[in-house]
Amino acid sequence: MFELDIRSRKPIYEQLVEKFKQLIIEGIMQADEKLPSVRELAQQLTVNPNTIQKAYRELESQGFIYSLKGKGSFVHKLETLENSQKLAEVREELRKLLAEASYLGMTVEEMEQLIAEVKGGTEND
């Protein structure tokens, strides 16, 4: 499904959360699709099951997945971003990241290029 960077300073559960969010946002994982069981994914990635469980709890708290007792975890249907609180959090995080990028020398054009890449409508110049 995906690989984790065990040398990264970012905790494994956060890497898992990011990877799953990316798969869901990009439509690779569809609404109501079943996620691998905690035990299954832990074996596949050779990670402690508690780490997988922590990632699943985080994804559930963020609204990306839901759990059914005895059935497992499933991809939550993504609504259009009417969740104003979550959108406000994302805006604030983007603001901080853009300020840092600017401070480190990234140009507005480079930022716009990055946005175009994320939107999927870019050509490599």
PDB file of N, CA and C in Angstrom:
ATOM      1  N   MET A   1       0.830  -1.194   0.000  1.00  0.00           N
ATOM      2  CA  MET A   1       0.000   0.000   0.000  1.00  0.00           C
ATOM      3  C   MET A   1       0.872   1.254   0.000  1.00  0.00           C
ATOM      4  N   PHE A   2       1.822   1.346   0.926  1.00  0.00           N
ATOM      5  CA  PHE A   2       2.746   2.468   0.961  1.00  0.00           C
ATOM      6  C   PHE A   2       3.921   2.143   1.860  1.00  0.00           C
ATOM      7  N   GLU A   3       4.933   2.974   1.779  1.00  0.00           N
ATOM      8  CA  GLU A   3       6.141   2.773   2.565  1.00  0.00           C
ATOM      9  C   GLU A   3       6.269   3.875   3.601  1.00  0.00           C
ATOM     10  N   LEU A   4       6.912   3.523   4.727  1.00  0.00           N
ATOM     11  CA  LEU A   4       7.167   4.485   5.784  1.00  0.00           C
ATOM     12  C   LEU A   4       8.657   4.750   5.859  1.00  0.00           C
ATOM     13  N   ASP A   5       9.015   5.942   6.263  1.00  0.00           N
ATOM     14  CA  ASP A   5      10.417   6.304   6.426  1.00  0.00           C
ATOM     15  C   ASP A   5      10.764   6.176   7.903  1.00  0.00           C
ATOM     16  N   ILE A   6      11.387   5.057   8.271  1.00  0.00           N
ATOM     17  CA  ILE A   6      11.690   4.817   9.683  1.00  0.00           C
ATOM     18  C   ILE A   6      12.793   5.737  10.196  1.00  0.00           C
ATOM     19  N   ARG A   7      13.521   6.377   9.290  1.00  0.00           N
ATOM     20  CA  ARG A   7      14.581   7.307   9.700  1.00  0.00           C
ATOM     21  C   ARG A   7      14.070   8.728   9.886  1.00  0.00           C
ATOM     22  N   SER A   8      12.834   8.943   9.491  1.00  0.00           N
ATOM     23  CA  SER A   8      12.256  10.282   9.591  1.00  0.00           C
ATOM     24  C   SER A   8      12.073  10.679  11.044  1.00  0.00           C
ATOM     25  N   ARG A   9      12.170  11.968  11.287  1.00  0.00           N
ATOM     26  CA  ARG A   9      11.929  12.489  12.636  1.00  0.00           C
ATOM     27  C   ARG A   9      10.433  12.522  12.924  1.00  0.00           C
ATOM     28  N   LYS A  10       9.615  12.430  11.886  1.00  0.00           N
ATOM     29  CA  LYS A  10       8.161  12.430  12.052  1.00  0.00           C
ATOM     30  C   LYS A  10       7.732  11.046  12.562  1.00  0.00           C
ATOM     31  N   PRO A  11       6.926  11.005  13.615  1.00  0.00           N
ATOM     32  CA  PRO A  11       6.466   9.721  14.158  1.00  0.00           C
ATOM     33  C   PRO A  11       5.764   8.877  13.091  1.00  0.00           C
ATOM     34  N   ILE A  12       5.872   7.573  13.234  1.00  0.00           N
ATOM     35  CA  ILE A  12       5.302   6.653  12.250  1.00  0.00           C
ATOM     36  C   ILE A  12       3.791   6.841  12.138  1.00  0.00           C
ATOM     37  N   TYR A  13       3.113   7.037  13.284  1.00  0.00           N
ATOM     38  CA  TYR A  13       1.658   7.174  13.203  1.00  0.00           C
ATOM     39  C   TYR A  13       1.278   8.420  12.395  1.00  0.00           C
ATOM     40  N   GLU A  14       2.067   9.509  12.499  1.00  0.00           N
ATOM     41  CA  GLU A  14       1.778  10.715  11.723  1.00  0.00           C
ATOM     42  C   GLU A  14       2.014  10.459  10.240  1.00  0.00           C
ATOM     43  N   GLN A  15       3.057   9.685   9.919  1.00  0.00           N
ATOM     44  CA  GLN A  15       3.288   9.327   8.521  1.00  0.00           C
ATOM     45  C   GLN A  15       2.099   8.532   7.978  1.00  0.00           C
ATOM     46  N   LEU A  16       1.592   7.607   8.775  1.00  0.00           N
ATOM     47  CA  LEU A  16       0.439   6.805   8.369  1.00  0.00           C
ATOM     48  C   LEU A  16      -0.780   7.697   8.130  1.00  0.00           C
ATOM     49  N   VAL A  17      -1.027   8.614   9.052  1.00  0.00           N
ATOM     50  CA  VAL A  17      -2.164   9.528   8.917  1.00  0.00           C
ATOM     51  C   VAL A  17      -2.035  10.304   7.616  1.00  0.00           C
ATOM     52  N   GLU A  18      -0.866  10.860   7.343  1.00  0.00           N
ATOM     53  CA  GLU A  18      -0.664  11.639   6.117  1.00  0.00           C
ATOM     54  C   GLU A  18      -0.870  10.799   4.870  1.00  0.00           C
ATOM     55  N   LYS A  19      -0.335   9.567   4.878  1.00  0.00           N
ATOM     56  CA  LYS A  19      -0.468   8.697   3.698  1.00  0.00           C
ATOM     57  C   LYS A  19      -1.927   8.360   3.442  1.00  0.00           C
ATOM     58  N   PHE A  20      -2.669   7.988   4.505  1.00  0.00           N
ATOM     59  CA  PHE A  20      -4.075   7.661   4.325  1.00  0.00           C
ATOM     60  C   PHE A  20      -4.869   8.876   3.855  1.00  0.00           C
ATOM     61  N   LYS A  21      -4.606  10.049   4.441  1.00  0.00           N
ATOM     62  CA  LYS A  21      -5.311  11.256   4.026  1.00  0.00           C
ATOM     63  C   LYS A  21      -5.056  11.530   2.546  1.00  0.00           C
ATOM     64  N   GLN A  22      -3.808  11.358   2.128  1.00  0.00           N
ATOM     65  CA  GLN A  22      -3.459  11.579   0.719  1.00  0.00           C
ATOM     66  C   GLN A  22      -4.231  10.610  -0.177  1.00  0.00           C
ATOM     67  N   LEU A  23      -4.288   9.334   0.193  1.00  0.00           N
ATOM     68  CA  LEU A  23      -5.005   8.335  -0.604  1.00  0.00           C
ATOM     69  C   LEU A  23      -6.500   8.656  -0.685  1.00  0.00           C
ATOM     70  N   ILE A  24      -7.055   9.159   0.418  1.00  0.00           N
ATOM     71  CA  ILE A  24      -8.475   9.482   0.453  1.00  0.00           C
ATOM     72  C   ILE A  24      -8.757  10.740  -0.362  1.00  0.00           C
ATOM     73  N   ILE A  25      -7.967  11.774  -0.152  1.00  0.00           N
ATOM     74  CA  ILE A  25      -8.172  13.047  -0.852  1.00  0.00           C
ATOM     75  C   ILE A  25      -8.009  12.883  -2.359  1.00  0.00           C
ATOM     76  N   GLU A  26      -7.030  12.077  -2.771  1.00  0.00           N
ATOM     77  CA  GLU A  26      -6.792  11.876  -4.202  1.00  0.00           C
ATOM     78  C   GLU A  26      -7.788  10.902  -4.827  1.00  0.00           C
ATOM     79  N   GLY A  27      -8.684  10.336  -4.017  1.00  0.00           N
ATOM     80  CA  GLY A  27      -9.703   9.440  -4.544  1.00  0.00           C
ATOM     81  C   GLY A  27      -9.221   8.031  -4.798  1.00  0.00           C
ATOM     82  N   ILE A  28      -8.010   7.709  -4.368  1.00  0.00           N
ATOM     83  CA  ILE A  28      -7.489   6.354  -4.541  1.00  0.00           C
ATOM     84  C   ILE A  28      -8.259   5.399  -3.632  1.00  0.00           C
ATOM     85  N   MET A  29      -8.575   5.869  -2.423  1.00  0.00           N
ATOM     86  CA  MET A  29      -9.448   5.116  -1.524  1.00  0.00           C
ATOM     87  C   MET A  29     -10.826   5.789  -1.583  1.00  0.00           C
ATOM     88  N   GLN A  30     -11.833   4.993  -1.868  1.00  0.00           N
ATOM     89  CA  GLN A  30     -13.186   5.506  -2.076  1.00  0.00           C
ATOM     90  C   GLN A  30     -14.006   5.470  -0.787  1.00  0.00           C
ATOM     91  N   ALA A  31     -15.082   6.248  -0.766  1.00  0.00           N
ATOM     92  CA  ALA A  31     -15.988   6.272   0.376  1.00  0.00           C
ATOM     93  C   ALA A  31     -16.479   4.868   0.684  1.00  0.00           C
ATOM     94  N   ASP A  32     -16.515   4.541   1.962  1.00  0.00           N
ATOM     95  CA  ASP A  32     -16.981   3.255   2.484  1.00  0.00           C
ATOM     96  C   ASP A  32     -16.044   2.079   2.171  1.00  0.00           C
ATOM     97  N   GLU A  33     -14.871   2.377   1.617  1.00  0.00           N
ATOM     98  CA  GLU A  33     -13.887   1.319   1.390  1.00  0.00           C
ATOM     99  C   GLU A  33     -13.283   0.908   2.733  1.00  0.00           C
ATOM    100  N   LYS A  34     -13.143  -0.392   2.920  1.00  0.00           N
ATOM    101  CA  LYS A  34     -12.619  -0.909   4.183  1.00  0.00           C
ATOM    102  C   LYS A  34     -11.113  -0.743   4.232  1.00  0.00           C
ATOM    103  N   LEU A  35     -10.614  -0.240   5.363  1.00  0.00           N
ATOM    104  CA  LEU A  35      -9.173  -0.135   5.591  1.00  0.00           C
ATOM    105  C   LEU A  35      -8.663  -1.485   6.071  1.00  0.00           C
ATOM    106  N   PRO A  36      -7.380  -1.769   5.874  1.00  0.00           N
ATOM    107  CA  PRO A  36      -6.838  -3.021   6.401  1.00  0.00           C
ATOM    108  C   PRO A  36      -7.012  -3.060   7.916  1.00  0.00           C
ATOM    109  N   SER A  37      -7.171  -4.265   8.459  1.00  0.00           N
ATOM    110  CA  SER A  37      -7.296  -4.375   9.909  1.00  0.00           C
ATOM    111  C   SER A  37      -5.996  -3.904  10.555  1.00  0.00           C
ATOM    112  N   VAL A  38      -6.084  -3.523  11.818  1.00  0.00           N
ATOM    113  CA  VAL A  38      -4.908  -3.057  12.554  1.00  0.00           C
ATOM    114  C   VAL A  38      -3.828  -4.136  12.520  1.00  0.00           C
ATOM    115  N   ARG A  39      -4.212  -5.356  12.829  1.00  0.00           N
ATOM    116  CA  ARG A  39      -3.242  -6.459  12.871  1.00  0.00           C
ATOM    117  C   ARG A  39      -2.617  -6.709  11.500  1.00  0.00           C
ATOM    118  N   GLU A  40      -3.459  -6.717  10.476  1.00  0.00           N
ATOM    119  CA  GLU A  40      -2.998  -6.957   9.103  1.00  0.00           C
ATOM    120  C   GLU A  40      -1.995  -5.891   8.663  1.00  0.00           C
ATOM    121  N   LEU A  41      -2.326  -4.623   8.880  1.00  0.00           N
ATOM    122  CA  LEU A  41      -1.445  -3.535   8.465  1.00  0.00           C
ATOM    123  C   LEU A  41      -0.159  -3.519   9.293  1.00  0.00           C
ATOM    124  N   ALA A  42      -0.277  -3.830  10.581  1.00  0.00           N
ATOM    125  CA  ALA A  42       0.903  -3.886  11.453  1.00  0.00           C
ATOM    126  C   ALA A  42       1.882  -4.948  10.955  1.00  0.00           C
ATOM    127  N   GLN A  43       1.365  -6.099  10.558  1.00  0.00           N
ATOM    128  CA  GLN A  43       2.223  -7.164  10.013  1.00  0.00           C
ATOM    129  C   GLN A  43       2.838  -6.737   8.693  1.00  0.00           C
ATOM    130  N   GLN A  44       2.034  -6.160   7.829  1.00  0.00           N
ATOM    131  CA  GLN A  44       2.495  -5.746   6.503  1.00  0.00           C
ATOM    132  C   GLN A  44       3.618  -4.721   6.607  1.00  0.00           C
ATOM    133  N   LEU A  45       3.471  -3.764   7.532  1.00  0.00           N
ATOM    134  CA  LEU A  45       4.451  -2.684   7.660  1.00  0.00           C
ATOM    135  C   LEU A  45       5.494  -2.964   8.737  1.00  0.00           C
ATOM    136  N   THR A  46       5.359  -4.102   9.412  1.00  0.00           N
ATOM    137  CA  THR A  46       6.219  -4.461  10.557  1.00  0.00           C
ATOM    138  C   THR A  46       6.311  -3.315  11.561  1.00  0.00           C
ATOM    139  N   VAL A  47       5.122  -2.920  12.026  1.00  0.00           N
ATOM    140  CA  VAL A  47       4.987  -1.843  12.997  1.00  0.00           C
ATOM    141  C   VAL A  47       4.131  -2.375  14.149  1.00  0.00           C
ATOM    142  N   ASN A  48       4.299  -1.780  15.299  1.00  0.00           N
ATOM    143  CA  ASN A  48       3.498  -2.140  16.456  1.00  0.00           C
ATOM    144  C   ASN A  48       2.021  -1.847  16.176  1.00  0.00           C
ATOM    145  N   PRO A  49       1.115  -2.788  16.476  1.00  0.00           N
ATOM    146  CA  PRO A  49      -0.316  -2.555  16.246  1.00  0.00           C
ATOM    147  C   PRO A  49      -0.847  -1.306  16.965  1.00  0.00           C
ATOM    148  N   ASN A  50      -0.250  -0.954  18.101  1.00  0.00           N
ATOM    149  CA  ASN A  50      -0.689   0.255  18.809  1.00  0.00           C
ATOM    150  C   ASN A  50      -0.459   1.511  17.967  1.00  0.00           C
ATOM    151  N   THR A  51       0.596   1.492  17.146  1.00  0.00           N
ATOM    152  CA  THR A  51       0.896   2.620  16.266  1.00  0.00           C
ATOM    153  C   THR A  51      -0.190   2.761  15.202  1.00  0.00           C
ATOM    154  N   ILE A  52      -0.603   1.623  14.638  1.00  0.00           N
ATOM    155  CA  ILE A  52      -1.669   1.628  13.628  1.00  0.00           C
ATOM    156  C   ILE A  52      -2.968   2.122  14.264  1.00  0.00           C
ATOM    157  N   GLN A  53      -3.250   1.610  15.466  1.00  0.00           N
ATOM    158  CA  GLN A  53      -4.470   2.004  16.174  1.00  0.00           C
ATOM    159  C   GLN A  53      -4.486   3.508  16.443  1.00  0.00           C
ATOM    160  N   LYS A  54      -3.336   4.054  16.824  1.00  0.00           N
ATOM    161  CA  LYS A  54      -3.230   5.491  17.091  1.00  0.00           C
ATOM    162  C   LYS A  54      -3.509   6.299  15.820  1.00  0.00           C
ATOM    163  N   ALA A  55      -2.953   5.832  14.691  1.00  0.00           N
ATOM    164  CA  ALA A  55      -3.183   6.513  13.410  1.00  0.00           C
ATOM    165  C   ALA A  55      -4.667   6.455  13.037  1.00  0.00           C
ATOM    166  N   TYR A  56      -5.291   5.300  13.216  1.00  0.00           N
ATOM    167  CA  TYR A  56      -6.709   5.155  12.893  1.00  0.00           C
ATOM    168  C   TYR A  56      -7.561   6.067  13.782  1.00  0.00           C
ATOM    169  N   ARG A  57      -7.216   6.159  15.068  1.00  0.00           N
ATOM    170  CA  ARG A  57      -7.961   7.046  15.979  1.00  0.00           C
ATOM    171  C   ARG A  57      -7.842   8.503  15.517  1.00  0.00           C
ATOM    172  N   GLU A  58      -6.637   8.887  15.106  1.00  0.00           N
ATOM    173  CA  GLU A  58      -6.416  10.253  14.632  1.00  0.00           C
ATOM    174  C   GLU A  58      -7.214  10.517  13.352  1.00  0.00           C
ATOM    175  N   LEU A  59      -7.188   9.577  12.418  1.00  0.00           N
ATOM    176  CA  LEU A  59      -7.952   9.725  11.178  1.00  0.00           C
ATOM    177  C   LEU A  59      -9.446   9.828  11.469  1.00  0.00           C
ATOM    178  N   GLU A  60      -9.906   9.060  12.444  1.00  0.00           N
ATOM    179  CA  GLU A  60     -11.319   9.108  12.805  1.00  0.00           C
ATOM    180  C   GLU A  60     -11.676  10.446  13.444  1.00  0.00           C
ATOM    181  N   SER A  61     -10.797  10.944  14.306  1.00  0.00           N
ATOM    182  CA  SER A  61     -11.076  12.229  14.956  1.00  0.00           C
ATOM    183  C   SER A  61     -11.072  13.377  13.947  1.00  0.00           C
ATOM    184  N   GLN A  62     -10.316  13.215  12.863  1.00  0.00           N
ATOM    185  CA  GLN A  62     -10.281  14.245  11.820  1.00  0.00           C
ATOM    186  C   GLN A  62     -11.396  14.073  10.785  1.00  0.00           C
ATOM    187  N   GLY A  63     -12.172  12.993  10.917  1.00  0.00           N
ATOM    188  CA  GLY A  63     -13.314  12.783  10.030  1.00  0.00           C
ATOM    189  C   GLY A  63     -13.001  12.093   8.720  1.00  0.00           C
ATOM    190  N   PHE A  64     -11.830  11.502   8.595  1.00  0.00           N
ATOM    191  CA  PHE A  64     -11.472  10.834   7.340  1.00  0.00           C
ATOM    192  C   PHE A  64     -11.954   9.387   7.294  1.00  0.00           C
ATOM    193  N   ILE A  65     -12.086   8.767   8.465  1.00  0.00           N
ATOM    194  CA  ILE A  65     -12.565   7.387   8.512  1.00  0.00           C
ATOM    195  C   ILE A  65     -13.604   7.266   9.625  1.00  0.00           C
ATOM    196  N   TYR A  66     -14.330   6.154   9.609  1.00  0.00           N
ATOM    197  CA  TYR A  66     -15.247   5.818  10.691  1.00  0.00           C
ATOM    198  C   TYR A  66     -15.085   4.346  10.993  1.00  0.00           C
ATOM    199  N   SER A  67     -15.432   3.953  12.199  1.00  0.00           N
ATOM    200  CA  SER A  67     -15.284   2.564  12.628  1.00  0.00           C
ATOM    201  C   SER A  67     -16.636   1.980  12.968  1.00  0.00           C
ATOM    202  N   LEU A  68     -16.787   0.715  12.630  1.00  0.00           N
ATOM    203  CA  LEU A  68     -17.968  -0.044  13.022  1.00  0.00           C
ATOM    204  C   LEU A  68     -17.492  -1.192  13.892  1.00  0.00           C
ATOM    205  N   LYS A  69     -18.029  -1.275  15.095  1.00  0.00           N
ATOM    206  CA  LYS A  69     -17.597  -2.284  16.051  1.00  0.00           C
ATOM    207  C   LYS A  69     -17.741  -3.679  15.440  1.00  0.00           C
ATOM    208  N   GLY A  70     -16.640  -4.427  15.466  1.00  0.00           N
ATOM    209  CA  GLY A  70     -16.646  -5.785  14.946  1.00  0.00           C
ATOM    210  C   GLY A  70     -16.506  -5.887  13.439  1.00  0.00           C
ATOM    211  N   LYS A  71     -16.557  -4.762  12.739  1.00  0.00           N
ATOM    212  CA  LYS A  71     -16.478  -4.780  11.267  1.00  0.00           C
ATOM    213  C   LYS A  71     -15.185  -4.167  10.753  1.00  0.00           C
ATOM    214  N   GLY A  72     -14.663  -3.165  11.462  1.00  0.00           N
ATOM    215  CA  GLY A  72     -13.428  -2.526  11.032  1.00  0.00           C
ATOM    216  C   GLY A  72     -13.582  -1.040  10.790  1.00  0.00           C
ATOM    217  N   SER A  73     -12.600  -0.476  10.106  1.00  0.00           N
ATOM    218  CA  SER A  73     -12.583   0.954   9.804  1.00  0.00           C
ATOM    219  C   SER A  73     -12.795   1.154   8.308  1.00  0.00           C
ATOM    220  N   PHE A  74     -13.510   2.224   7.986  1.00  0.00           N
ATOM    221  CA  PHE A  74     -13.897   2.501   6.609  1.00  0.00           C
ATOM    222  C   PHE A  74     -13.652   3.968   6.278  1.00  0.00           C
ATOM    223  N   VAL A  75     -13.456   4.240   4.987  1.00  0.00           N
ATOM    224  CA  VAL A  75     -13.256   5.610   4.516  1.00  0.00           C
ATOM    225  C   VAL A  75     -14.583   6.351   4.625  1.00  0.00           C
ATOM    226  N   HIS A  76     -14.524   7.508   5.250  1.00  0.00           N
ATOM    227  CA  HIS A  76     -15.713   8.355   5.408  1.00  0.00           C
ATOM    228  C   HIS A  76     -15.940   9.113   4.117  1.00  0.00           C
ATOM    229  N   LYS A  77     -17.199   9.313   3.759  1.00  0.00           N
ATOM    230  CA  LYS A  77     -17.522  10.093   2.564  1.00  0.00           C
ATOM    231  C   LYS A  77     -17.072  11.525   2.791  1.00  0.00           C
ATOM    232  N   LEU A  78     -16.223  12.026   1.910  1.00  0.00           N
ATOM    233  CA  LEU A  78     -15.738  13.397   2.040  1.00  0.00           C
ATOM    234  C   LEU A  78     -16.788  14.356   1.503  1.00  0.00           C
ATOM    235  N   GLU A  79     -17.259  15.203   2.386  1.00  0.00           N
ATOM    236  CA  GLU A  79     -18.204  16.232   1.993  1.00  0.00           C
ATOM    237  C   GLU A  79     -17.398  17.402   1.434  1.00  0.00           C
ATOM    238  N   THR A  80     -18.050  18.262   0.711  1.00  0.00           N
ATOM    239  CA  THR A  80     -17.372  19.473   0.295  1.00  0.00           C
ATOM    240  C   THR A  80     -17.001  20.226   1.565  1.00  0.00           C
ATOM    241  N   LEU A  81     -15.880  20.879   1.542  1.00  0.00           N
ATOM    242  CA  LEU A  81     -15.347  21.455   2.765  1.00  0.00           C
ATOM    243  C   LEU A  81     -16.236  22.573   3.311  1.00  0.00           C
ATOM    244  N   GLU A  82     -17.313  22.157   3.951  1.00  0.00           N
ATOM    245  CA  GLU A  82     -18.170  23.109   4.634  1.00  0.00           C
ATOM    246  C   GLU A  82     -17.796  23.163   6.109  1.00  0.00           C
ATOM    247  N   ASN A  83     -16.861  22.343   6.493  1.00  0.00           N
ATOM    248  CA  ASN A  83     -16.420  22.311   7.879  1.00  0.00           C
ATOM    249  C   ASN A  83     -15.522  23.526   8.109  1.00  0.00           C
ATOM    250  N   SER A  84     -16.139  24.627   8.481  1.00  0.00           N
ATOM    251  CA  SER A  84     -15.414  25.896   8.561  1.00  0.00           C
ATOM    252  C   SER A  84     -14.305  25.880   9.602  1.00  0.00           C
ATOM    253  N   GLN A  85     -14.497  25.142  10.684  1.00  0.00           N
ATOM    254  CA  GLN A  85     -13.454  25.082  11.707  1.00  0.00           C
ATOM    255  C   GLN A  85     -12.211  24.386  11.158  1.00  0.00           C
ATOM    256  N   LYS A  86     -12.393  23.265  10.491  1.00  0.00           N
ATOM    257  CA  LYS A  86     -11.257  22.538   9.917  1.00  0.00           C
ATOM    258  C   LYS A  86     -10.582  23.383   8.840  1.00  0.00           C
ATOM    259  N   LEU A  87     -11.377  24.046   8.022  1.00  0.00           N
ATOM    260  CA  LEU A  87     -10.832  24.890   6.970  1.00  0.00           C
ATOM    261  C   LEU A  87     -10.028  26.042   7.567  1.00  0.00           C
ATOM    262  N   ALA A  88     -10.511  26.602   8.654  1.00  0.00           N
ATOM    263  CA  ALA A  88      -9.784  27.680   9.327  1.00  0.00           C
ATOM    264  C   ALA A  88      -8.444  27.181   9.859  1.00  0.00           C
ATOM    265  N   GLU A  89      -8.420  25.957  10.392  1.00  0.00           N
ATOM    266  CA  GLU A  89      -7.175  25.367  10.890  1.00  0.00           C
ATOM    267  C   GLU A  89      -6.177  25.176   9.748  1.00  0.00           C
ATOM    268  N   VAL A  90      -6.668  24.681   8.625  1.00  0.00           N
ATOM    269  CA  VAL A  90      -5.801  24.459   7.460  1.00  0.00           C
ATOM    270  C   VAL A  90      -5.252  25.791   6.949  1.00  0.00           C
ATOM    271  N   ARG A  91      -6.112  26.809   6.889  1.00  0.00           N
ATOM    272  CA  ARG A  91      -5.664  28.137   6.450  1.00  0.00           C
ATOM    273  C   ARG A  91      -4.549  28.667   7.349  1.00  0.00           C
ATOM    274  N   GLU A  92      -4.739  28.518   8.652  1.00  0.00           N
ATOM    275  CA  GLU A  92      -3.745  29.015   9.599  1.00  0.00           C
ATOM    276  C   GLU A  92      -2.418  28.259   9.435  1.00  0.00           C
ATOM    277  N   GLU A  93      -2.489  26.961   9.259  1.00  0.00           N
ATOM    278  CA  GLU A  93      -1.279  26.161   9.056  1.00  0.00           C
ATOM    279  C   GLU A  93      -0.590  26.562   7.754  1.00  0.00           C
ATOM    280  N   LEU A  94      -1.376  26.765   6.696  1.00  0.00           N
ATOM    281  CA  LEU A  94      -0.808  27.220   5.420  1.00  0.00           C
ATOM    282  C   LEU A  94      -0.149  28.585   5.571  1.00  0.00           C
ATOM    283  N   ARG A  95      -0.797  29.472   6.292  1.00  0.00           N
ATOM    284  CA  ARG A  95      -0.245  30.810   6.523  1.00  0.00           C
ATOM    285  C   ARG A  95       1.140  30.701   7.168  1.00  0.00           C
ATOM    286  N   LYS A  96       1.259  29.846   8.186  1.00  0.00           N
ATOM    287  CA  LYS A  96       2.537  29.660   8.876  1.00  0.00           C
ATOM    288  C   LYS A  96       3.591  29.077   7.932  1.00  0.00           C
ATOM    289  N   LEU A  97       3.187  28.079   7.159  1.00  0.00           N
ATOM    290  CA  LEU A  97       4.130  27.441   6.238  1.00  0.00           C
ATOM    291  C   LEU A  97       4.573  28.391   5.130  1.00  0.00           C
ATOM    292  N   LEU A  98       3.645  29.179   4.613  1.00  0.00           N
ATOM    293  CA  LEU A  98       3.994  30.143   3.569  1.00  0.00           C
ATOM    294  C   LEU A  98       4.928  31.221   4.110  1.00  0.00           C
ATOM    295  N   ALA A  99       4.686  31.674   5.335  1.00  0.00           N
ATOM    296  CA  ALA A  99       5.568  32.665   5.950  1.00  0.00           C
ATOM    297  C   ALA A  99       6.973  32.087   6.114  1.00  0.00           C
ATOM    298  N   GLU A 100       7.053  30.845   6.539  1.00  0.00           N
ATOM    299  CA  GLU A 100       8.364  30.206   6.708  1.00  0.00           C
ATOM    300  C   GLU A 100       9.057  30.031   5.358  1.00  0.00           C
ATOM    301  N   ALA A 101       8.312  29.591   4.351  1.00  0.00           N
ATOM    302  CA  ALA A 101       8.884  29.413   3.018  1.00  0.00           C
ATOM    303  C   ALA A 101       9.409  30.739   2.470  1.00  0.00           C
ATOM    304  N   SER A 102       8.637  31.791   2.661  1.00  0.00           N
ATOM    305  CA  SER A 102       9.055  33.116   2.222  1.00  0.00           C
ATOM    306  C   SER A 102      10.331  33.549   2.939  1.00  0.00           C
ATOM    307  N   TYR A 103      10.369  33.337   4.224  1.00  0.00           N
ATOM    308  CA  TYR A 103      11.545  33.676   5.031  1.00  0.00           C
ATOM    309  C   TYR A 103      12.785  32.929   4.534  1.00  0.00           C
ATOM    310  N   LEU A 104      12.580  31.671   4.103  1.00  0.00           N
ATOM    311  CA  LEU A 104      13.697  30.857   3.644  1.00  0.00           C
ATOM    312  C   LEU A 104      14.075  31.137   2.190  1.00  0.00           C
ATOM    313  N   GLY A 105      13.328  32.042   1.528  1.00  0.00           N
ATOM    314  CA  GLY A 105      13.715  32.457   0.185  1.00  0.00           C
ATOM    315  C   GLY A 105      12.852  31.948  -0.951  1.00  0.00           C
ATOM    316  N   MET A 106      11.767  31.255  -0.649  1.00  0.00           N
ATOM    317  CA  MET A 106      10.898  30.782  -1.724  1.00  0.00           C
ATOM    318  C   MET A 106      10.157  31.971  -2.316  1.00  0.00           C
ATOM    319  N   THR A 107      10.118  32.042  -3.635  1.00  0.00           N
ATOM    320  CA  THR A 107       9.455  33.155  -4.315  1.00  0.00           C
ATOM    321  C   THR A 107       7.952  32.884  -4.438  1.00  0.00           C
ATOM    322  N   VAL A 108       7.200  33.939  -4.708  1.00  0.00           N
ATOM    323  CA  VAL A 108       5.759  33.813  -4.920  1.00  0.00           C
ATOM    324  C   VAL A 108       5.503  32.896  -6.115  1.00  0.00           C
ATOM    325  N   GLU A 109       6.328  33.023  -7.144  1.00  0.00           N
ATOM    326  CA  GLU A 109       6.169  32.186  -8.336  1.00  0.00           C
ATOM    327  C   GLU A 109       6.355  30.716  -7.985  1.00  0.00           C
ATOM    328  N   GLU A 110       7.338  30.409  -7.137  1.00  0.00           N
ATOM    329  CA  GLU A 110       7.555  29.019  -6.718  1.00  0.00           C
ATOM    330  C   GLU A 110       6.364  28.505  -5.904  1.00  0.00           C
ATOM    331  N   MET A 111       5.793  29.365  -5.073  1.00  0.00           N
ATOM    332  CA  MET A 111       4.613  28.985  -4.290  1.00  0.00           C
ATOM    333  C   MET A 111       3.433  28.716  -5.209  1.00  0.00           C
ATOM    334  N   GLU A 112       3.256  29.587  -6.210  1.00  0.00           N
ATOM    335  CA  GLU A 112       2.162  29.398  -7.166  1.00  0.00           C
ATOM    336  C   GLU A 112       2.348  28.114  -7.956  1.00  0.00           C
ATOM    337  N   GLN A 113       3.596  27.811  -8.320  1.00  0.00           N
ATOM    338  CA  GLN A 113       3.899  26.574  -9.036  1.00  0.00           C
ATOM    339  C   GLN A 113       3.523  25.363  -8.175  1.00  0.00           C
ATOM    340  N   LEU A 114       3.837  25.444  -6.902  1.00  0.00           N
ATOM    341  CA  LEU A 114       3.525  24.363  -5.968  1.00  0.00           C
ATOM    342  C   LEU A 114       2.009  24.180  -5.851  1.00  0.00           C
ATOM    343  N   ILE A 115       1.282  25.273  -5.779  1.00  0.00           N
ATOM    344  CA  ILE A 115      -0.180  25.202  -5.720  1.00  0.00           C
ATOM    345  C   ILE A 115      -0.719  24.562  -6.993  1.00  0.00           C
ATOM    346  N   ALA A 116      -0.177  24.951  -8.135  1.00  0.00           N
ATOM    347  CA  ALA A 116      -0.606  24.366  -9.413  1.00  0.00           C
ATOM    348  C   ALA A 116      -0.323  22.869  -9.446  1.00  0.00           C
ATOM    349  N   GLU A 117       0.812  22.447  -8.899  1.00  0.00           N
ATOM    350  CA  GLU A 117       1.147  21.019  -8.848  1.00  0.00           C
ATOM    351  C   GLU A 117       0.144  20.260  -7.986  1.00  0.00           C
ATOM    352  N   VAL A 118      -0.199  20.844  -6.856  1.00  0.00           N
ATOM    353  CA  VAL A 118      -1.150  20.206  -5.945  1.00  0.00           C
ATOM    354  C   VAL A 118      -2.514  20.062  -6.617  1.00  0.00           C
ATOM    355  N   LYS A 119      -2.912  21.090  -7.354  1.00  0.00           N
ATOM    356  CA  LYS A 119      -4.185  21.051  -8.052  1.00  0.00           C
ATOM    357  C   LYS A 119      -4.155  20.085  -9.230  1.00  0.00           C
ATOM    358  N   GLY A 120      -2.960  19.674  -9.659  1.00  0.00           N
ATOM    359  CA  GLY A 120      -2.829  18.718 -10.742  1.00  0.00           C
ATOM    360  C   GLY A 120      -2.862  19.312 -12.128  1.00  0.00           C
ATOM    361  N   GLY A 121      -2.846  20.620 -12.207  1.00  0.00           N
ATOM    362  CA  GLY A 121      -2.924  21.234 -13.523  1.00  0.00           C
ATOM    363  C   GLY A 121      -1.651  21.948 -13.894  1.00  0.00           C
ATOM    364  N   THR A 122      -0.496  21.287 -13.716  1.00  0.00           N
ATOM    365  CA  THR A 122       0.760  21.947 -14.001  1.00  0.00           C
ATOM    366  C   THR A 122       1.577  21.173 -15.016  1.00  0.00           C
ATOM    367  N   GLU A 123       2.392  21.905 -15.681  1.00  0.00           N
ATOM    368  CA  GLU A 123       3.367  21.303 -16.587  1.00  0.00           C
ATOM    369  C   GLU A 123       4.730  21.636 -16.046  1.00  0.00           C
ATOM    370  N   ASN A 124       5.664  20.696 -16.190  1.00  0.00           N
ATOM    371  CA  ASN A 124       7.030  20.966 -15.712  1.00  0.00           C
ATOM    372  C   ASN A 124       7.734  21.877 -16.695  1.00  0.00           C
ATOM    373  N   ASP A 125       8.138  23.023 -16.208  1.00  0.00           N
ATOM    374  CA  ASP A 125       8.795  24.016 -17.087  1.00  0.00           C
ATOM    375  C   ASP A 125      10.242  23.666 -17.266  1.00  0.00           C
TER     376      ASP A 125
END
